[in-house]
């Protein structure tokens, strides 16, 4: 089965993970900027990180024949420091010129604070100014419903943003309807300890249809599974879905959304 891994933090993974993904049928991997497990102390650290995402990591993935694409931002976990966040955002336009960059992400909210909302608005403004796709992180656990509604309301209020060019990730049963009804794309993140299990993710697709949803592993330095996407495909096979449906959900849907960026080209 062919598939796209549309959200994976490969800088935290080993080359064995790249090999396993390719053998499982992965045709491209997309890596959003994220929190490194600690708060970086200056914009210089982010500059180096953006170089890693746009230069070194694509070369590492290419050794396994896997196209690598990236998204750029300052993660909401580090958005409380407004000055630092503004300095980081000022770096991004330079990197948008690089040919593996898909857009702005993963932006969003962590604790739904006022400072996080301010930086979210600045990221959305940047995406509007440079006509970029947007990938959004929604907060975890008890803050998810409130945070998802805040994000949807904020982005919908900007008339420059096409909802069809925004994907709001980490959806669960109680937030999917908000996102889908607003016309955005949605991401179902497959984690063994939080977010969605494969059966729950397939249930959500069965509820809302598969037109504007994708699945991703969001694998990082925590407890996560780089092959979570093909494992979810096995759950769909168990329920009787045919290869054509699997191809739509796991390959064609990500390609359809990501191809709105001129940089996403995997030789289709």
Protein backbone atom coordinates (compact mmCIF):
# COMPACT_ATOMS: atom_id res chain seq x y z
CA UNK A 1 0.00 0.00 0.00
CA UNK A 2 1.24 3.49 -0.82
CA UNK A 3 0.78 6.24 1.73
CA UNK A 4 1.94 9.70 2.74
CA UNK A 5 3.16 10.42 6.27
CA UNK A 6 1.88 14.03 6.50
CA UNK A 7 3.05 14.84 10.04
CA UNK A 8 6.19 13.29 11.53
CA UNK A 9 9.04 14.85 13.51
CA UNK A 10 11.85 12.95 11.87
CA UNK A 11 14.69 14.93 13.44
CA UNK A 12 13.94 12.89 16.57
CA UNK A 13 13.85 9.52 14.78
CA UNK A 14 16.52 7.08 13.66
CA UNK A 15 17.44 5.99 10.15
CA UNK A 16 15.84 2.62 10.94
CA UNK A 17 12.51 4.45 11.08
CA UNK A 18 13.09 5.88 7.61
CA UNK A 19 13.85 2.40 6.29
CA UNK A 20 10.77 0.89 7.92
CA UNK A 21 8.51 3.62 6.52
CA UNK A 22 9.82 3.16 2.98
CA UNK A 23 9.43 -0.61 3.16
CA UNK A 24 5.84 -0.12 4.39
CA UNK A 25 5.02 1.98 1.30
CA UNK A 26 5.63 5.58 2.39
CA UNK A 27 6.02 7.88 -0.62
CA UNK A 28 6.74 11.18 1.18
CA UNK A 29 7.14 12.50 4.72
CA UNK A 30 6.18 15.98 5.92
CA UNK A 31 7.77 17.48 9.05
CA UNK A 32 6.24 20.42 10.91
CA UNK A 33 8.34 22.58 13.19
CA UNK A 34 7.70 21.58 16.80
CA UNK A 35 8.84 21.83 20.41
CA UNK A 36 12.19 20.13 20.94
CA UNK A 37 11.36 18.90 24.46
CA UNK A 38 12.89 22.04 25.97
CA UNK A 39 12.41 25.77 25.43
CA UNK A 40 15.00 27.24 23.12
CA UNK A 41 16.69 30.35 24.52
CA UNK A 42 17.03 32.51 21.41
CA UNK A 43 16.01 32.97 17.80
CA UNK A 44 19.47 31.72 16.78
CA UNK A 45 18.48 28.23 17.90
CA UNK A 46 15.41 28.38 15.67
CA UNK A 47 17.49 29.58 12.73
CA UNK A 48 19.67 26.48 13.04
CA UNK A 49 16.58 24.31 13.45
CA UNK A 50 15.01 25.73 10.30
CA UNK A 51 18.26 24.96 8.46
CA UNK A 52 18.03 21.41 9.76
CA UNK A 53 14.44 21.05 8.51
CA UNK A 54 15.11 22.53 5.08
CA UNK A 55 18.61 21.28 4.33
CA UNK A 56 19.99 18.43 6.44
CA UNK A 57 16.86 16.36 7.06
CA UNK A 58 15.81 16.23 3.37
CA UNK A 59 19.27 14.90 2.55
CA UNK A 60 19.00 12.26 5.30
CA UNK A 61 15.59 11.13 4.00
CA UNK A 62 16.86 11.10 0.41
CA UNK A 63 19.36 8.38 1.33
CA UNK A 64 16.31 6.11 1.64
CA UNK A 65 14.59 7.42 -1.48
CA UNK A 66 12.00 9.33 0.55
CA UNK A 67 11.01 12.92 -0.36
CA UNK A 68 11.00 15.14 2.74
CA UNK A 69 8.96 18.34 3.15
CA UNK A 70 8.76 20.77 6.06
CA UNK A 71 6.58 23.39 7.72
CA UNK A 72 7.96 26.38 9.66
CA UNK A 73 6.82 28.25 12.78
CA UNK A 74 7.47 28.67 16.48
CA UNK A 75 5.48 26.02 18.30
CA UNK A 76 2.72 27.22 20.67
CA UNK A 77 4.59 25.73 23.64
CA UNK A 78 7.22 28.45 23.12
CA UNK A 79 4.83 31.28 22.25
CA UNK A 80 4.49 32.75 25.75
CA UNK A 81 7.64 34.81 25.16
CA UNK A 82 6.21 37.34 22.71
CA UNK A 83 9.55 38.95 21.84
CA UNK A 84 11.22 35.62 21.12
CA UNK A 85 8.24 34.51 19.03
CA UNK A 86 8.28 37.72 17.01
CA UNK A 87 12.01 37.32 16.37
CA UNK A 88 11.46 33.74 15.16
CA UNK A 89 8.55 34.68 12.91
CA UNK A 90 10.77 37.37 11.34
CA UNK A 91 13.16 34.60 10.23
CA UNK A 92 10.56 32.56 8.40
CA UNK A 93 10.17 34.53 5.12
CA UNK A 94 13.79 33.77 4.23
CA UNK A 95 13.12 30.04 4.54
CA UNK A 96 9.84 30.10 2.62
CA UNK A 97 12.01 30.39 -0.49
CA UNK A 98 13.39 26.89 0.04
CA UNK A 99 11.93 24.25 -2.22
CA UNK A 100 10.79 21.72 0.40
CA UNK A 101 8.73 24.17 2.52
CA UNK A 102 4.96 23.60 2.42
CA UNK A 103 3.73 26.41 4.64
CA UNK A 104 3.28 27.64 8.20
CA UNK A 105 2.95 25.02 10.93
CA UNK A 106 2.36 23.51 13.27
CA UNK A 107 0.97 26.68 14.80
CA UNK A 108 -1.90 26.78 17.27
CA UNK A 109 -2.51 26.73 21.00
CA UNK A 110 -1.14 24.86 23.99
CA UNK A 111 -2.71 26.41 27.10
CA UNK A 112 -5.11 28.75 25.26
CA UNK A 113 -3.37 31.80 26.72
CA UNK A 114 -3.57 35.36 25.48
CA UNK A 115 0.07 35.35 24.37
CA UNK A 116 -0.44 32.13 22.42
CA UNK A 117 -3.45 33.71 20.66
CA UNK A 118 -1.35 36.75 19.77
CA UNK A 119 1.35 34.63 18.16
CA UNK A 120 -1.23 32.45 16.42
CA UNK A 121 -2.65 35.59 14.81
CA UNK A 122 0.82 36.67 13.71
CA UNK A 123 1.46 33.28 12.12
CA UNK A 124 -1.88 33.38 10.29
CA UNK A 125 -1.07 36.89 9.06
CA UNK A 126 2.28 35.63 7.76
CA UNK A 127 0.55 32.78 5.93
CA UNK A 128 -1.90 35.23 4.36
CA UNK A 129 0.84 37.62 3.27
CA UNK A 130 2.86 34.86 1.58
CA UNK A 131 -0.09 32.72 0.41
CA UNK A 132 0.99 29.67 2.41
CA UNK A 133 -0.80 26.54 3.58
CA UNK A 134 -1.45 26.37 7.33
CA UNK A 135 -1.08 23.36 9.66
CA UNK A 136 -2.58 23.82 13.13
CA UNK A 137 -1.87 22.08 16.44
CA UNK A 138 -4.78 21.79 18.84
CA UNK A 139 -4.16 21.52 22.60
CA UNK A 140 -4.35 18.27 24.50
CA UNK A 141 -6.77 16.76 26.99
CA UNK A 142 -9.19 19.08 28.81
CA UNK A 143 -8.16 22.20 26.87
CA UNK A 144 -8.77 20.69 23.42
CA UNK A 145 -12.43 21.62 22.90
CA UNK A 146 -12.00 25.22 24.03
CA UNK A 147 -8.74 25.61 22.11
CA UNK A 148 -10.14 24.13 18.92
CA UNK A 149 -13.09 26.53 19.00
CA UNK A 150 -10.77 29.50 19.62
CA UNK A 151 -8.59 28.46 16.67
CA UNK A 152 -11.51 27.95 14.30
CA UNK A 153 -13.08 31.28 15.25
CA UNK A 154 -9.80 33.17 14.88
CA UNK A 155 -8.89 31.76 11.47
CA UNK A 156 -12.44 32.08 10.14
CA UNK A 157 -12.39 35.76 11.09
CA UNK A 158 -9.55 36.43 8.62
CA UNK A 159 -11.19 36.83 5.21
CA UNK A 160 -7.84 36.35 3.47
CA UNK A 161 -7.62 32.70 4.54
CA UNK A 162 -9.19 29.97 2.43
CA UNK A 163 -10.43 27.26 4.85
CA UNK A 164 -9.54 24.66 2.22
CA UNK A 165 -5.87 25.57 2.67
CA UNK A 166 -5.92 25.01 6.45
CA UNK A 167 -5.56 21.65 8.19
CA UNK A 168 -6.40 21.48 11.89
CA UNK A 169 -4.66 18.50 13.43
CA UNK A 170 -5.04 16.22 16.48
CA UNK A 171 -8.82 15.99 16.13
CA UNK A 172 -10.82 13.73 18.42
CA UNK A 173 -14.48 12.76 18.63
CA UNK A 174 -15.53 15.94 20.45
CA UNK A 175 -13.69 18.38 18.14
CA UNK A 176 -14.04 16.87 14.65
CA UNK A 177 -17.49 18.34 13.98
CA UNK A 178 -16.34 21.90 14.77
CA UNK A 179 -13.53 21.67 12.24
CA UNK A 180 -15.38 19.82 9.50
CA UNK A 181 -18.46 22.08 9.71
CA UNK A 182 -16.17 25.13 9.31
CA UNK A 183 -14.82 23.84 6.00
CA UNK A 184 -11.27 23.08 7.18
CA UNK A 185 -9.31 19.89 6.63
CA UNK A 186 -8.76 17.69 9.67
CA UNK A 187 -5.93 15.49 10.88
CA UNK A 188 -6.28 12.36 13.02
CA UNK A 189 -3.12 11.74 15.03
CA UNK A 190 -2.42 8.13 15.97
CA UNK A 191 -0.72 7.88 19.36
CA UNK A 192 -0.50 4.82 21.61
CA UNK A 193 -1.07 6.79 24.85
CA UNK A 194 -3.09 9.86 23.84
CA UNK A 195 -4.88 11.47 20.89
CA UNK A 196 -6.48 8.72 18.70
CA UNK A 197 -6.14 4.97 18.44
CA UNK A 198 -6.61 3.42 15.01
CA UNK A 199 -10.16 2.17 15.77
CA UNK A 200 -11.20 5.62 17.04
CA UNK A 201 -9.72 7.33 13.98
CA UNK A 202 -11.56 4.99 11.62
CA UNK A 203 -14.77 5.60 13.58
CA UNK A 204 -14.35 9.36 12.99
CA UNK A 205 -13.84 8.81 9.26
CA UNK A 206 -16.96 6.65 9.18
CA UNK A 207 -18.87 9.45 10.92
CA UNK A 208 -17.69 12.42 8.84
CA UNK A 209 -16.58 10.82 5.59
CA UNK A 210 -13.10 10.65 4.16
CA UNK A 211 -13.04 13.68 1.89
CA UNK A 212 -11.13 16.17 4.09
CA UNK A 213 -9.42 13.96 6.65
CA UNK A 214 -5.99 12.41 6.84
CA UNK A 215 -4.17 10.26 9.40
CA UNK A 216 -0.67 10.88 10.72
CA UNK A 217 1.69 9.50 13.33
CA UNK A 218 3.21 12.81 14.55
CA UNK A 219 6.05 10.58 15.77
CA UNK A 220 8.60 12.44 17.87
CA UNK A 221 10.91 11.96 20.87
CA UNK A 222 8.00 10.76 23.04
CA UNK A 223 6.05 7.51 23.01
CA UNK A 224 4.94 7.30 19.38
CA UNK A 225 4.91 4.91 16.43
CA UNK A 226 6.41 5.86 13.03
CA UNK A 227 4.33 3.14 11.32
CA UNK A 228 1.05 4.21 12.91
CA UNK A 229 -0.45 5.17 9.53
CA UNK A 230 -0.05 1.76 7.82
CA UNK A 231 -1.20 0.14 11.07
CA UNK A 232 -4.41 2.18 10.81
CA UNK A 233 -4.80 0.96 7.24
CA UNK A 234 -4.84 -2.57 8.63
CA UNK A 235 -7.75 -1.58 10.89
CA UNK A 236 -9.65 -0.35 7.84
CA UNK A 237 -8.89 -3.60 6.01
CA UNK A 238 -10.20 -5.52 9.02
CA UNK A 239 -13.48 -3.64 8.66
CA UNK A 240 -13.77 -4.62 5.02
CA UNK A 241 -12.60 -1.48 3.19
CA UNK A 242 -11.13 -2.09 -0.25
CA UNK A 243 -7.78 -0.95 -1.63
CA UNK A 244 -9.35 1.95 -3.52
CA UNK A 245 -10.76 3.45 -0.31
CA UNK A 246 -7.47 2.95 1.51
CA UNK A 247 -5.63 4.71 -1.30
CA UNK A 248 -7.99 7.67 -1.05
CA UNK A 249 -7.59 8.06 2.72
CA UNK A 250 -3.89 7.36 3.08
CA UNK A 251 -2.46 8.68 -0.18
CA UNK A 252 -4.84 10.73 -2.31
CA UNK A 253 -6.21 12.89 0.52
CA UNK A 254 -2.80 14.10 1.71
CA UNK A 255 -1.67 14.62 -1.88
CA UNK A 256 -4.79 16.66 -2.66
CA UNK A 257 -4.28 18.99 0.30
CA UNK A 258 -0.50 19.28 0.08
CA UNK A 259 -0.47 19.80 -3.69
CA UNK A 260 -1.97 23.23 -3.07
CA UNK A 261 1.65 24.13 -2.30
CA UNK A 262 3.71 24.43 -5.50
CA UNK A 263 6.61 22.82 -3.61
CA UNK A 264 4.82 19.50 -3.08
CA UNK A 265 5.85 17.40 -6.04
CA UNK A 266 6.48 13.70 -5.68
CA UNK A 267 6.47 12.82 -9.35
CA UNK A 268 2.78 12.07 -9.71
